[in-house]
N, C-alpha and C. Protein backbone atom coordinates (compact mmCIF):
# COMPACT_ATOMS: atom_id res chain seq x y z
N UNK A 1 59.67 137.84 83.20
CA UNK A 1 59.60 136.64 83.52
C UNK A 1 61.03 136.03 83.00
N UNK A 2 61.29 134.90 83.52
CA UNK A 2 63.17 134.39 83.14
C UNK A 2 62.27 133.29 82.14
N UNK A 3 63.09 132.98 81.31
CA UNK A 3 63.21 131.89 80.23
C UNK A 3 63.38 130.73 80.85
N UNK A 4 63.26 129.67 80.22
CA UNK A 4 64.11 128.25 80.07
C UNK A 4 65.47 128.62 80.12
N UNK A 5 65.94 128.93 79.13
CA UNK A 5 67.26 129.09 79.10
C UNK A 5 67.97 129.92 80.67
N UNK A 6 67.33 130.99 80.95
CA UNK A 6 67.71 131.40 82.37
C UNK A 6 67.79 130.33 83.19
N UNK A 7 66.88 129.70 83.15
CA UNK A 7 66.93 128.48 84.63
C UNK A 7 67.85 127.67 84.45
N UNK A 8 67.74 127.05 83.42
CA UNK A 8 69.39 126.29 82.97
C UNK A 8 70.73 126.84 83.53
N UNK A 9 70.68 128.20 82.82
CA UNK A 9 71.89 128.99 83.26
C UNK A 9 71.94 128.74 85.02
N UNK A 10 71.35 129.33 85.99
CA UNK A 10 71.12 129.36 86.94
C UNK A 10 71.50 127.77 87.62
N UNK A 11 70.67 127.12 87.11
CA UNK A 11 71.11 125.38 87.83
C UNK A 11 72.82 125.13 87.39
N UNK A 12 73.05 125.45 86.53
CA UNK A 12 74.34 124.81 86.18
C UNK A 12 75.43 125.97 87.01
N UNK A 13 75.52 127.19 86.94
CA UNK A 13 75.78 127.79 87.99
C UNK A 13 75.93 127.38 89.50
N UNK A 14 74.63 127.13 89.80
CA UNK A 14 74.81 126.50 91.03
C UNK A 14 75.14 125.43 91.42
N UNK A 15 75.31 124.47 90.69
CA UNK A 15 75.99 123.20 90.42
C UNK A 15 77.15 123.18 90.45
N UNK A 16 77.61 124.08 89.69
CA UNK A 16 79.07 124.80 89.86
C UNK A 16 79.83 125.14 91.27
N UNK A 17 79.29 125.73 91.57
CA UNK A 17 79.77 126.30 92.69
C UNK A 17 79.35 125.29 93.71
N UNK A 18 78.64 124.70 93.87
CA UNK A 18 78.58 123.35 94.80
C UNK A 18 79.86 122.80 94.46
N UNK A 19 79.84 122.41 92.95
CA UNK A 19 81.21 121.61 93.07
C UNK A 19 82.49 122.31 93.52
N UNK A 20 82.79 123.65 93.08
CA UNK A 20 83.95 124.34 93.48
C UNK A 20 83.84 124.09 95.42
N UNK A 21 82.66 124.01 95.48
CA UNK A 21 82.74 124.07 97.24
C UNK A 21 82.97 122.66 98.05
N UNK A 22 82.52 121.40 97.14
CA UNK A 22 82.83 120.49 97.78
C UNK A 22 83.95 119.72 97.11
N UNK A 23 85.00 120.06 95.89
CA UNK A 23 85.67 119.01 95.55
C UNK A 23 86.81 119.94 95.10
N UNK A 24 86.31 121.78 95.45
CA UNK A 24 87.76 122.32 94.90
C UNK A 24 88.24 122.29 93.69
N UNK A 25 87.01 122.31 92.59
CA UNK A 25 87.11 122.20 91.67
C UNK A 25 85.58 122.40 90.75
N UNK A 26 85.84 122.79 89.39
CA UNK A 26 84.33 123.14 88.54
C UNK A 26 84.09 122.26 88.63
N UNK A 27 84.33 121.06 88.25
CA UNK A 27 83.43 120.29 87.99
C UNK A 27 84.72 118.58 88.27
N UNK A 28 84.11 117.40 88.10
CA UNK A 28 84.97 116.26 88.12
C UNK A 28 85.35 116.18 87.01
N UNK A 29 86.41 115.84 86.86
CA UNK A 29 87.25 116.42 85.31
C UNK A 29 86.46 115.19 84.26
N UNK A 30 86.50 115.92 83.20
CA UNK A 30 86.43 115.33 81.93
C UNK A 30 87.11 115.46 80.83
N UNK A 31 88.07 114.55 81.14
CA UNK A 31 89.57 115.15 80.40
C UNK A 31 89.50 114.65 79.57
N UNK A 32 90.01 115.61 78.33
CA UNK A 32 90.20 115.43 77.07
C UNK A 32 91.58 115.55 76.26
N UNK A 33 92.86 115.75 77.40
CA UNK A 33 94.26 116.32 76.88
C UNK A 33 94.74 114.62 76.91
N UNK A 34 95.69 114.30 75.71
CA UNK A 34 95.84 112.92 75.83
C UNK A 34 97.10 112.61 77.29
N UNK A 35 97.55 113.62 77.69
CA UNK A 35 98.23 113.59 78.90
C UNK A 35 97.53 114.65 80.18
N UNK A 36 97.58 114.04 80.91
CA UNK A 36 96.86 114.65 82.28
C UNK A 36 98.11 115.00 83.46
N UNK A 37 97.73 116.03 83.44
CA UNK A 37 98.64 116.62 84.65
C UNK A 37 97.77 116.54 86.05
N UNK A 38 98.54 116.15 87.29
CA UNK A 38 97.96 115.75 88.44
C UNK A 38 98.60 116.74 89.27
N UNK A 39 98.73 118.17 90.06
CA UNK A 39 99.95 118.46 90.73
C UNK A 39 99.17 118.15 92.07
N UNK A 40 100.45 117.72 92.94
CA UNK A 40 100.28 117.62 94.55
C UNK A 40 101.29 118.61 95.25
N UNK A 41 100.63 119.55 95.80
CA UNK A 41 101.28 120.49 96.20
C UNK A 41 100.88 121.05 97.61
N UNK A 42 102.19 121.58 98.43
CA UNK A 42 101.95 121.71 100.19
C UNK A 42 101.42 120.66 100.93
N UNK A 43 100.71 120.56 101.75
CA UNK A 43 100.62 119.12 102.86
C UNK A 43 99.43 118.60 102.05
N UNK A 44 99.52 117.19 102.07
CA UNK A 44 98.57 115.85 101.47
C UNK A 44 97.33 116.70 102.90
N UNK A 45 96.06 116.45 102.49
CA UNK A 45 95.18 116.56 103.77
C UNK A 45 94.36 115.66 103.45
N UNK A 46 94.03 115.03 104.85
CA UNK A 46 93.31 113.66 104.79
C UNK A 46 92.38 113.53 105.93
N UNK A 47 91.73 112.88 106.90
CA UNK A 47 90.77 113.28 107.36
C UNK A 47 90.39 114.28 108.19
N UNK A 48 91.58 114.93 108.77
CA UNK A 48 91.72 115.84 109.19
C UNK A 48 91.67 117.11 108.77
N UNK A 49 91.35 118.10 108.89
CA UNK A 49 91.37 119.54 107.77
C UNK A 49 92.46 119.80 108.82
N UNK A 50 92.86 120.64 107.75
CA UNK A 50 94.72 121.85 108.19
C UNK A 50 93.77 123.16 108.24
N UNK A 51 95.01 123.94 109.06
CA UNK A 51 94.51 125.16 109.29
C UNK A 51 94.11 125.80 107.72
N UNK A 52 93.51 126.79 107.86
CA UNK A 52 93.18 127.78 106.58
C UNK A 52 94.19 128.49 105.61
N UNK A 53 95.40 128.75 106.59
CA UNK A 53 96.47 129.36 106.06
C UNK A 53 97.81 128.77 105.51
N UNK A 54 97.47 126.87 105.50
CA UNK A 54 97.94 126.14 105.14
C UNK A 54 97.61 125.39 103.42
N UNK A 55 98.84 125.78 102.67
CA UNK A 55 98.12 125.57 101.41
C UNK A 55 98.57 123.79 101.23
N UNK A 56 97.42 123.10 101.23
CA UNK A 56 96.87 122.12 100.93
C UNK A 56 96.64 121.04 99.64
N UNK A 57 96.92 119.69 99.69
CA UNK A 57 96.52 118.98 98.58
C UNK A 57 95.45 118.18 99.32
N UNK A 58 94.19 118.34 98.90
CA UNK A 58 92.82 117.66 99.68
C UNK A 58 92.88 115.68 98.56
N UNK A 59 92.99 114.96 99.44
CA UNK A 59 92.91 113.53 99.01
C UNK A 59 91.73 113.42 98.31
N UNK A 60 90.59 113.81 98.75
CA UNK A 60 89.39 113.43 98.68
C UNK A 60 89.12 114.42 96.95
N UNK A 61 90.46 115.07 96.84
CA UNK A 61 89.64 115.38 95.12
C UNK A 61 90.48 115.40 94.67
N UNK A 62 91.52 114.43 94.68
CA UNK A 62 92.42 113.41 94.07
C UNK A 62 91.85 112.44 93.28
N UNK A 63 91.13 111.72 94.15
CA UNK A 63 90.68 110.72 94.47
C UNK A 63 89.41 110.43 92.72
N UNK A 64 88.94 111.07 93.13
CA UNK A 64 87.72 111.46 91.37
C UNK A 64 88.19 112.07 90.22
N UNK A 65 88.93 112.46 90.50
CA UNK A 65 90.51 113.01 89.31
C UNK A 65 90.76 111.61 88.43
N UNK A 66 91.52 110.59 89.34
CA UNK A 66 92.05 109.36 89.13
C UNK A 66 91.23 108.67 88.64
N UNK A 67 90.08 108.42 88.87
CA UNK A 67 89.29 107.53 88.67
C UNK A 67 88.45 108.25 87.17
N UNK A 68 88.43 109.35 86.78
CA UNK A 68 88.06 109.86 85.62
C UNK A 68 89.33 109.78 84.68
N UNK A 69 90.26 109.70 84.79
CA UNK A 69 91.49 109.54 84.15
C UNK A 69 91.29 107.82 83.64
N UNK A 70 90.97 107.02 84.82
CA UNK A 70 91.11 105.75 84.32
C UNK A 70 89.88 105.19 83.39
N UNK A 71 89.09 105.74 83.65
CA UNK A 71 87.63 105.59 82.50
C UNK A 71 88.00 106.15 81.74
N UNK A 72 88.85 107.09 81.20
CA UNK A 72 88.76 108.35 79.77
C UNK A 72 89.38 107.47 79.01
N UNK A 73 89.02 107.15 77.42
CA UNK A 73 90.29 106.55 76.61
C UNK A 73 90.88 107.74 76.14
N UNK A 74 90.54 108.82 76.34
CA UNK A 74 91.29 109.85 75.47
C UNK A 74 92.37 110.43 76.63
N UNK A 75 92.61 109.72 77.80
CA UNK A 75 93.68 110.23 78.64
C UNK A 75 94.78 108.91 78.32
N UNK A 76 95.95 109.00 77.96
CA UNK A 76 96.76 107.99 77.47
C UNK A 76 98.18 108.01 78.52
N UNK A 77 98.29 109.14 79.56
CA UNK A 77 99.31 109.10 80.31
C UNK A 77 99.17 109.90 81.23
N UNK A 78 99.73 109.85 82.56
CA UNK A 78 99.30 110.75 83.65
C UNK A 78 100.98 111.19 83.93
N UNK A 79 100.69 112.41 83.99
CA UNK A 79 102.26 113.36 84.62
C UNK A 79 101.93 114.18 86.11
N UNK A 80 102.36 113.42 87.18
CA UNK A 80 102.45 114.23 88.66
C UNK A 80 103.50 114.93 88.78
N UNK A 81 102.98 115.74 89.38
CA UNK A 81 103.82 116.96 89.49
C UNK A 81 104.16 117.10 91.57
N UNK A 82 105.15 116.74 91.56
CA UNK A 82 105.33 116.80 93.05
C UNK A 82 106.61 118.00 94.22
N UNK A 83 105.54 118.83 95.00
CA UNK A 83 106.02 119.78 95.48
C UNK A 83 105.30 120.04 96.77
N UNK A 84 105.62 118.67 97.83
CA UNK A 84 104.80 118.40 98.88
C UNK A 84 106.17 118.10 99.99
N UNK A 85 104.98 118.76 101.03
CA UNK A 85 106.26 118.80 102.25
C UNK A 85 105.65 117.04 103.08
N UNK A 86 104.98 116.33 102.59
CA UNK A 86 104.01 115.05 103.31
C UNK A 86 102.82 115.43 103.74
N UNK A 87 102.48 114.71 104.70
CA UNK A 87 101.34 114.78 105.35
C UNK A 87 100.52 113.53 105.93
N UNK A 88 99.11 113.50 105.34
CA UNK A 88 98.25 112.39 106.47
C UNK A 88 98.74 111.33 105.70
N UNK A 89 99.12 110.42 106.47
CA UNK A 89 99.96 108.92 106.39
C UNK A 89 99.08 108.24 105.23
N UNK A 90 98.03 108.07 105.42
CA UNK A 90 96.62 106.76 104.84
C UNK A 90 96.37 107.62 104.03
N UNK A 91 96.15 108.66 103.67
CA UNK A 91 95.72 109.57 102.19
C UNK A 91 97.09 109.73 101.40
N UNK A 92 97.90 109.72 101.71
CA UNK A 92 99.69 109.45 100.85
C UNK A 92 99.49 108.33 100.22
N UNK A 93 99.31 107.72 101.24
CA UNK A 93 99.66 105.98 100.61
C UNK A 93 98.26 105.38 100.10
N UNK A 94 97.24 105.91 100.16
CA UNK A 94 95.85 105.73 99.04
C UNK A 94 96.18 106.43 97.60
N UNK A 95 96.57 107.47 98.02
CA UNK A 95 97.04 108.03 96.44
C UNK A 95 98.29 107.47 95.68
N UNK A 96 98.94 107.15 96.73
CA UNK A 96 100.10 106.28 95.94
C UNK A 96 99.28 104.73 95.47
N UNK A 97 98.63 104.03 95.88
CA UNK A 97 98.11 102.81 95.79
C UNK A 97 97.49 103.15 94.38
N UNK A 98 97.04 104.09 94.56
CA UNK A 98 96.24 104.67 93.00
C UNK A 98 97.03 104.87 91.95
N UNK A 99 97.65 105.62 91.92
CA UNK A 99 98.76 105.89 91.29
C UNK A 99 99.56 104.61 90.79
N UNK A 100 99.71 103.85 91.42
CA UNK A 100 100.58 102.62 90.89
C UNK A 100 99.59 101.11 90.55
N UNK A 101 98.09 101.58 90.50
CA UNK A 101 97.08 100.74 90.29
C UNK A 101 96.17 101.08 88.79
N UNK A 102 96.87 102.28 88.32
CA UNK A 102 96.32 102.73 87.01
C UNK A 102 96.69 101.68 85.73
N UNK A 103 96.01 101.39 84.65
CA UNK A 103 96.18 100.93 83.65
C UNK A 103 97.10 101.63 82.83
N UNK A 104 96.74 102.72 82.39
CA UNK A 104 98.08 103.98 81.67
C UNK A 104 99.24 104.29 82.43
N UNK A 105 100.34 104.90 82.01
CA UNK A 105 101.29 105.07 82.28
C UNK A 105 101.82 106.03 82.74
N UNK A 106 102.38 106.46 83.85
CA UNK A 106 102.28 107.51 84.36
C UNK A 106 104.18 108.29 84.94
N UNK A 107 104.52 109.16 84.75
CA UNK A 107 105.42 109.96 85.25
C UNK A 107 105.20 111.10 86.41
N UNK A 108 106.50 110.74 87.45
CA UNK A 108 106.38 111.83 88.77
C UNK A 108 107.41 112.54 88.59
N UNK A 109 107.33 113.50 88.76
CA UNK A 109 108.62 114.80 88.74
C UNK A 109 108.37 115.39 90.32
N UNK A 110 109.23 115.33 90.92
CA UNK A 110 110.15 115.90 92.00
C UNK A 110 110.42 117.46 91.94
N UNK A 111 109.61 118.60 92.13
CA UNK A 111 110.13 119.70 91.73
C UNK A 111 109.85 120.34 93.17
N UNK A 112 111.16 120.68 93.74
CA UNK A 112 111.17 121.76 94.92
C UNK A 112 111.24 120.65 96.10
N UNK A 113 110.05 119.97 96.63
CA UNK A 113 109.91 118.80 97.52
C UNK A 113 109.32 117.60 97.41
N UNK A 114 109.44 116.65 97.83
CA UNK A 114 108.61 115.26 97.73
C UNK A 114 109.05 114.56 99.30
N UNK A 115 108.34 115.01 100.19
CA UNK A 115 108.91 114.47 101.25
C UNK A 115 108.18 113.48 102.34
N UNK A 116 109.01 113.04 103.49
CA UNK A 116 108.14 112.09 103.67
C UNK A 116 106.93 111.15 103.46
N UNK A 117 105.58 111.54 103.55
CA UNK A 117 104.67 110.73 102.60
C UNK A 117 104.88 110.85 101.23
N UNK A 118 105.33 111.94 100.85
CA UNK A 118 105.41 112.28 99.25
C UNK A 118 106.37 111.25 98.75
N UNK A 119 106.93 110.57 99.43
CA UNK A 119 108.09 109.65 98.65
C UNK A 119 107.28 108.38 98.23
N UNK A 120 106.16 107.74 99.12
CA UNK A 120 105.82 106.89 98.41
C UNK A 120 105.09 107.15 96.81
N UNK A 121 104.58 108.57 96.72
CA UNK A 121 103.91 108.84 95.85
C UNK A 121 104.78 109.01 94.44
N UNK A 122 106.11 109.28 94.68
CA UNK A 122 106.61 109.30 93.82
C UNK A 122 107.23 108.27 93.38
N UNK A 123 107.42 107.19 93.97
CA UNK A 123 107.91 106.26 93.35
C UNK A 123 106.79 105.44 92.83
N UNK A 124 105.67 105.97 93.14
CA UNK A 124 104.61 104.48 92.39
C UNK A 124 104.11 104.88 91.12
N UNK A 125 104.88 105.69 90.59
CA UNK A 125 104.60 105.88 88.65
C UNK A 125 105.15 104.96 88.55
N UNK A 126 105.20 104.98 86.70
CA UNK A 126 105.77 104.04 85.78
C UNK A 126 107.28 104.58 85.98
N UNK A 127 107.65 105.74 85.80
CA UNK A 127 109.15 106.46 85.52
C UNK A 127 108.89 107.85 86.96
N UNK A 128 110.04 107.89 87.64
CA UNK A 128 110.17 108.72 88.61
C UNK A 128 111.71 109.73 88.23
N UNK A 129 110.88 111.26 88.31
CA UNK A 129 112.48 111.96 88.11
C UNK A 129 112.33 113.46 88.94
N UNK A 130 113.49 113.62 89.83
CA UNK A 130 113.61 114.46 90.44
C UNK A 130 114.52 116.11 89.70
N UNK A 131 114.04 117.10 90.18
CA UNK A 131 114.81 118.35 89.02
C UNK A 131 116.31 118.24 90.10
N UNK A 132 117.48 118.52 89.60
CA UNK A 132 118.57 118.95 90.37
C UNK A 132 118.54 119.36 91.67
N UNK A 133 117.85 120.79 92.35
CA UNK A 133 117.56 120.78 93.31
C UNK A 133 116.03 120.45 94.18
N UNK A 134 115.54 119.69 93.33
CA UNK A 134 114.45 118.56 94.53
C UNK A 134 115.22 118.13 95.64
N UNK A 135 114.16 118.15 96.41
CA UNK A 135 115.04 117.60 97.78
C UNK A 135 113.85 116.41 98.35
N UNK A 136 114.17 115.35 98.95
CA UNK A 136 113.29 114.13 99.58
C UNK A 136 113.94 114.27 100.66
N UNK A 137 113.18 114.17 101.95
CA UNK A 137 113.52 113.82 103.54
C UNK A 137 112.72 112.64 103.63
N UNK A 138 113.79 111.50 104.15
CA UNK A 138 113.16 110.01 104.59
C UNK A 138 113.33 109.89 106.13
N UNK A 139 112.09 109.92 106.63
CA UNK A 139 112.12 110.16 108.16
C UNK A 139 111.10 108.85 108.55
N UNK A 140 111.02 108.26 109.92
CA UNK A 140 110.12 107.46 110.56
C UNK A 140 108.56 108.41 110.20
N UNK A 141 107.83 107.79 110.77
CA UNK A 141 106.58 108.78 110.93
C UNK A 141 106.44 109.02 112.20
N UNK A 142 106.07 110.64 111.93
CA UNK A 142 105.90 111.08 113.18
C UNK A 142 104.26 110.90 113.79
N UNK A 143 104.48 111.43 115.31
CA UNK A 143 102.61 111.71 115.67
C UNK A 143 102.54 112.21 116.81
N UNK A 144 101.82 113.43 116.55
CA UNK A 144 101.93 114.48 117.55
C UNK A 144 100.19 114.65 118.25
N UNK A 145 99.98 113.45 118.34
CA UNK A 145 98.11 113.45 118.35
C UNK A 145 98.37 112.60 120.02
N UNK A 146 97.48 112.60 120.89
CA UNK A 146 97.23 112.11 122.16
C UNK A 146 97.12 110.67 122.14
N UNK A 147 98.13 110.28 122.65
CA UNK A 147 98.15 108.24 123.24
C UNK A 147 97.87 108.27 124.73
N UNK A 148 96.54 107.79 124.04
CA UNK A 148 95.59 107.13 124.80
C UNK A 148 96.40 105.77 125.82
N UNK A 149 96.73 104.93 124.81
CA UNK A 149 97.12 103.34 125.35
C UNK A 149 98.70 103.44 124.17
N UNK A 150 99.83 103.51 125.25
CA UNK A 150 100.95 103.15 124.78
C UNK A 150 101.43 102.00 123.87
N UNK A 151 101.04 100.90 124.65
CA UNK A 151 101.61 99.66 123.74
C UNK A 151 100.90 99.50 122.28
N UNK A 152 99.82 99.68 122.30
CA UNK A 152 98.67 99.75 121.26
C UNK A 152 99.09 100.56 120.44
N UNK A 153 99.37 101.81 120.39
CA UNK A 153 99.84 103.07 119.92
C UNK A 153 100.87 102.67 119.21
N UNK A 154 101.65 102.41 119.50
CA UNK A 154 103.51 102.03 119.12
C UNK A 154 102.88 100.54 117.86
N UNK A 155 101.97 99.56 118.39
CA UNK A 155 101.96 98.67 117.33
C UNK A 155 101.32 99.20 116.11
N UNK A 156 100.82 99.88 116.57
CA UNK A 156 99.85 100.51 115.19
C UNK A 156 100.66 101.53 114.26
N UNK A 157 101.50 102.15 115.31
CA UNK A 157 102.62 103.12 114.27
C UNK A 157 103.48 102.11 113.37
N UNK A 158 104.28 100.93 113.99
CA UNK A 158 105.30 100.38 113.61
C UNK A 158 104.30 99.55 112.14
N UNK A 159 103.13 98.87 112.45
CA UNK A 159 102.41 98.18 111.24
C UNK A 159 102.38 99.61 110.28
N UNK A 160 101.69 100.63 110.65
CA UNK A 160 101.81 101.84 109.38
C UNK A 160 103.28 102.20 108.44
N UNK A 161 104.01 102.07 109.27
CA UNK A 161 105.61 102.21 109.21
C UNK A 161 106.09 100.70 108.29
N UNK A 162 105.43 99.82 108.57
CA UNK A 162 105.49 98.74 107.82
C UNK A 162 105.08 98.27 106.34
N UNK A 163 103.73 99.16 106.62
CA UNK A 163 103.02 99.27 105.10
C UNK A 163 103.93 100.17 104.30
N UNK A 164 104.32 101.74 104.84
CA UNK A 164 104.98 102.69 103.71
C UNK A 164 106.44 102.09 103.32
N UNK A 165 106.93 101.41 104.55
CA UNK A 165 108.32 100.52 103.91
C UNK A 165 108.31 99.91 103.00
N UNK A 166 107.20 98.95 102.95
CA UNK A 166 107.16 98.11 101.84
C UNK A 166 106.90 98.36 100.56
N UNK A 167 105.54 99.63 100.55
CA UNK A 167 105.32 100.05 99.36
C UNK A 167 106.71 101.30 98.58
N UNK A 168 108.05 101.50 99.59
CA UNK A 168 108.63 102.16 98.97
C UNK A 168 110.10 101.50 97.98
N UNK A 169 109.96 99.90 98.93
CA UNK A 169 111.37 99.25 98.29
C UNK A 169 110.20 98.40 97.40
N UNK A 170 108.96 97.98 97.21
CA UNK A 170 108.59 97.24 96.30
C UNK A 170 108.61 98.13 95.07
N UNK A 171 108.36 99.71 94.92
CA UNK A 171 108.49 100.44 93.50
C UNK A 171 109.38 101.16 93.55
N UNK A 172 110.52 101.10 93.88
CA UNK A 172 111.85 101.14 93.79
C UNK A 172 113.00 100.75 93.77
N UNK A 173 113.99 101.16 93.48
CA UNK A 173 115.31 100.12 93.52
C UNK A 173 116.02 100.08 94.78
N UNK A 174 115.47 101.23 95.84
CA UNK A 174 116.29 100.69 97.27
C UNK A 174 115.89 99.87 97.62
N UNK A 175 116.67 99.44 98.44
CA UNK A 175 116.67 97.79 99.61
C UNK A 175 116.02 98.26 101.21
N UNK A 176 115.88 97.24 101.15
CA UNK A 176 115.01 97.72 102.97
C UNK A 176 115.84 98.21 103.90
N UNK A 177 117.40 97.63 103.69
CA UNK A 177 118.42 97.83 104.20
C UNK A 177 118.36 99.37 104.39
N UNK A 178 118.84 99.76 103.06
CA UNK A 178 119.59 101.18 102.80
C UNK A 178 118.58 102.11 103.15
N UNK A 179 116.77 101.64 102.85
CA UNK A 179 115.97 102.54 103.24
C UNK A 179 116.04 103.12 104.84
N UNK A 180 116.04 101.82 105.62
CA UNK A 180 115.78 102.16 107.16
C UNK A 180 117.28 102.85 107.60
N UNK A 181 118.20 102.97 107.09
CA UNK A 181 119.74 103.17 107.54
C UNK A 181 119.54 104.70 107.19
N UNK A 182 119.06 105.06 105.71
CA UNK A 182 118.45 106.72 105.61
C UNK A 182 117.49 107.28 106.88
N UNK A 183 116.52 106.19 107.05
CA UNK A 183 115.36 106.72 107.94
C UNK A 183 115.72 107.15 109.58
N UNK A 184 116.88 106.45 109.93
CA UNK A 184 117.01 106.47 111.57
C UNK A 184 118.52 107.12 111.65
N UNK A 185 119.00 107.68 110.41
CA UNK A 185 119.82 108.23 110.59
C UNK A 185 120.19 109.30 111.79
N UNK A 186 120.84 109.59 112.37
CA UNK A 186 120.99 110.70 113.61
C UNK A 186 122.19 111.97 113.38
N UNK A 187 122.02 113.02 113.38
CA UNK A 187 122.94 114.04 113.24
C UNK A 187 122.76 115.05 112.11
N UNK A 188 121.57 114.53 110.74
CA UNK A 188 121.08 115.51 109.85
C UNK A 188 120.45 116.52 110.06
N UNK A 189 119.29 115.96 110.53
CA UNK A 189 118.14 117.05 110.92
C UNK A 189 118.70 117.53 112.68
N UNK A 190 118.27 118.69 112.80
CA UNK A 190 118.59 119.36 114.17
C UNK A 190 117.54 118.68 114.95
N UNK A 191 116.42 118.53 114.60
CA UNK A 191 115.21 117.84 115.88
C UNK A 191 114.52 117.12 115.60
N UNK A 192 115.30 115.80 114.76
CA UNK A 192 114.71 114.70 114.38
C UNK A 192 115.55 113.40 113.85
N UNK A 193 115.41 112.32 113.58
CA UNK A 193 116.32 111.63 112.73
C UNK A 193 115.95 111.43 111.13
N UNK A 194 116.93 111.18 110.38
CA UNK A 194 116.14 110.90 108.76
C UNK A 194 117.36 111.56 107.88
N UNK A 195 117.01 111.32 106.67
CA UNK A 195 117.94 111.93 106.25
C UNK A 195 117.17 112.63 104.49
N UNK A 196 118.22 113.79 104.30
CA UNK A 196 117.39 114.78 103.10
C UNK A 196 118.34 114.24 102.13
N UNK A 197 118.06 113.68 100.67
CA UNK A 197 117.99 113.53 99.78
C UNK A 197 118.45 114.91 98.65
N UNK A 198 119.13 115.16 98.03
CA UNK A 198 118.72 116.05 96.79
C UNK A 198 119.49 115.73 95.66
N UNK A 199 118.58 115.76 94.70
CA UNK A 199 118.31 115.50 93.49
C UNK A 199 119.47 114.43 93.12
N UNK A 200 120.40 114.17 92.48
CA UNK A 200 121.37 113.03 92.81
C UNK A 200 121.32 112.41 93.25
N UNK A 201 121.42 112.75 94.87
CA UNK A 201 121.76 111.96 95.73
C UNK A 201 120.58 110.96 95.97
N UNK A 202 118.89 111.25 95.54
CA UNK A 202 118.31 110.45 95.63
C UNK A 202 117.92 109.33 94.48
N UNK A 203 118.75 110.15 93.16
CA UNK A 203 118.91 108.45 92.17
C UNK A 203 119.85 107.88 92.86
N UNK A 204 120.89 108.09 93.41
CA UNK A 204 121.86 107.00 93.78
C UNK A 204 121.72 106.21 94.91
N UNK A 205 120.41 106.94 95.75
CA UNK A 205 120.19 105.68 96.68
C UNK A 205 118.94 104.43 96.10
N UNK A 206 118.52 105.04 95.27
CA UNK A 206 117.66 103.85 94.50
C UNK A 206 116.49 104.42 94.43
N UNK A 207 116.11 105.36 95.16
CA UNK A 207 114.78 106.07 95.16
C UNK A 207 113.66 106.85 93.81
N UNK A 208 114.66 107.71 93.71
CA UNK A 208 113.77 107.78 92.11
C UNK A 208 115.57 107.60 90.90
N UNK A 209 114.69 107.28 89.61
CA UNK A 209 115.23 106.73 88.37
C UNK A 209 115.88 107.81 88.01
N UNK A 210 115.47 108.74 87.91
CA UNK A 210 116.44 109.95 87.13
C UNK A 210 116.43 111.10 87.42
N UNK A 211 117.67 111.59 87.00
CA UNK A 211 117.41 113.25 87.40
C UNK A 211 116.62 114.11 86.36
N UNK A 212 115.82 115.13 85.98
CA UNK A 212 115.50 116.06 85.19
C UNK A 212 114.24 116.90 85.34
N UNK A 213 113.95 117.52 84.84
CA UNK A 213 113.03 118.44 84.76
C UNK A 213 111.64 118.25 83.83
N UNK A 214 110.89 119.59 83.47
CA UNK A 214 109.70 119.01 83.31
C UNK A 214 109.93 118.28 81.53
N UNK A 215 110.88 118.94 81.08
CA UNK A 215 111.07 118.50 79.17
C UNK A 215 111.58 117.02 79.43
N UNK A 216 112.32 116.61 80.68
CA UNK A 216 112.47 115.13 80.69
C UNK A 216 111.23 114.19 80.66
N UNK A 217 110.59 114.67 81.96
CA UNK A 217 109.38 114.27 82.09
C UNK A 217 108.40 113.77 81.07
N UNK A 218 108.41 114.71 80.10
CA UNK A 218 107.19 114.82 79.18
C UNK A 218 107.92 113.43 77.98
N UNK A 219 109.48 113.70 77.83
CA UNK A 219 110.12 112.57 76.91
C UNK A 219 109.19 111.39 77.53
N UNK A 220 110.06 111.02 79.19
CA UNK A 220 109.75 110.01 79.17
C UNK A 220 108.51 109.07 79.29
N UNK A 221 107.38 110.20 79.20
CA UNK A 221 105.82 109.87 79.42
C UNK A 221 105.63 109.65 78.20
N UNK A 222 106.47 110.18 76.85
CA UNK A 222 105.76 110.33 75.71
C UNK A 222 106.20 108.73 75.39
N UNK A 223 107.38 108.56 75.78
CA UNK A 223 108.18 107.10 75.33
C UNK A 223 107.37 106.11 75.99
N UNK A 224 106.87 106.05 76.83
CA UNK A 224 105.82 105.24 77.52
C UNK A 224 105.05 104.67 76.94
N UNK A 225 104.07 106.01 76.53
CA UNK A 225 102.80 106.41 75.65
C UNK A 225 102.80 104.92 74.51
N UNK A 226 103.63 105.92 73.75
CA UNK A 226 104.10 105.54 72.35
C UNK A 226 105.39 104.57 72.18
N UNK A 227 106.09 103.58 72.65
CA UNK A 227 107.11 102.93 72.67
C UNK A 227 107.75 102.70 71.12
N UNK A 228 109.40 103.14 71.39
CA UNK A 228 109.97 102.79 69.89
C UNK A 228 110.14 101.60 69.55
């Protein structure tokens, strides 16, 4: 005979299993830490699922976490760790918009890479850092799908690019002219146009604010939480 405790335990296990399957985590986070760490690793997956062998960060996993952070009075700041090759443009821009609209201070740290649509995410926080060996690839939107109508498709891509550019230079110190120059530079990428910025170069360009690592990122975030 099963007791009520056994039935409740089974229900909790089933709920946890379903949450793992649907959200990729044990539960929608009930955050208790003072600082919440949000890793964005691999490619950002949006409306289309990427192959199983591709390391991804699913934007539907991040949205409930950020909502939980905003509503939880115990959380005082957010640390975003970036090592991403980019990915879905609309999903990445949505994450960046959510981070920039948080009422709590946030710090981003680019480790490894913060490429493509990872750039708006990196600049969306209150303070941005990049590791000395961290890299950022600045390039225009790429489109690899079926083009049904060339003119309309071009207009859509142009408007999407304008949205991304506007977000980047309104949340960083880079000018529109400088951003476009980096984006359309030829000769640096073998099969593409664009520019690779490493560490201090990203700071000099005005995209990122400071070169540093984990220690510096926590120091910056703590200073934003408790101003001196």
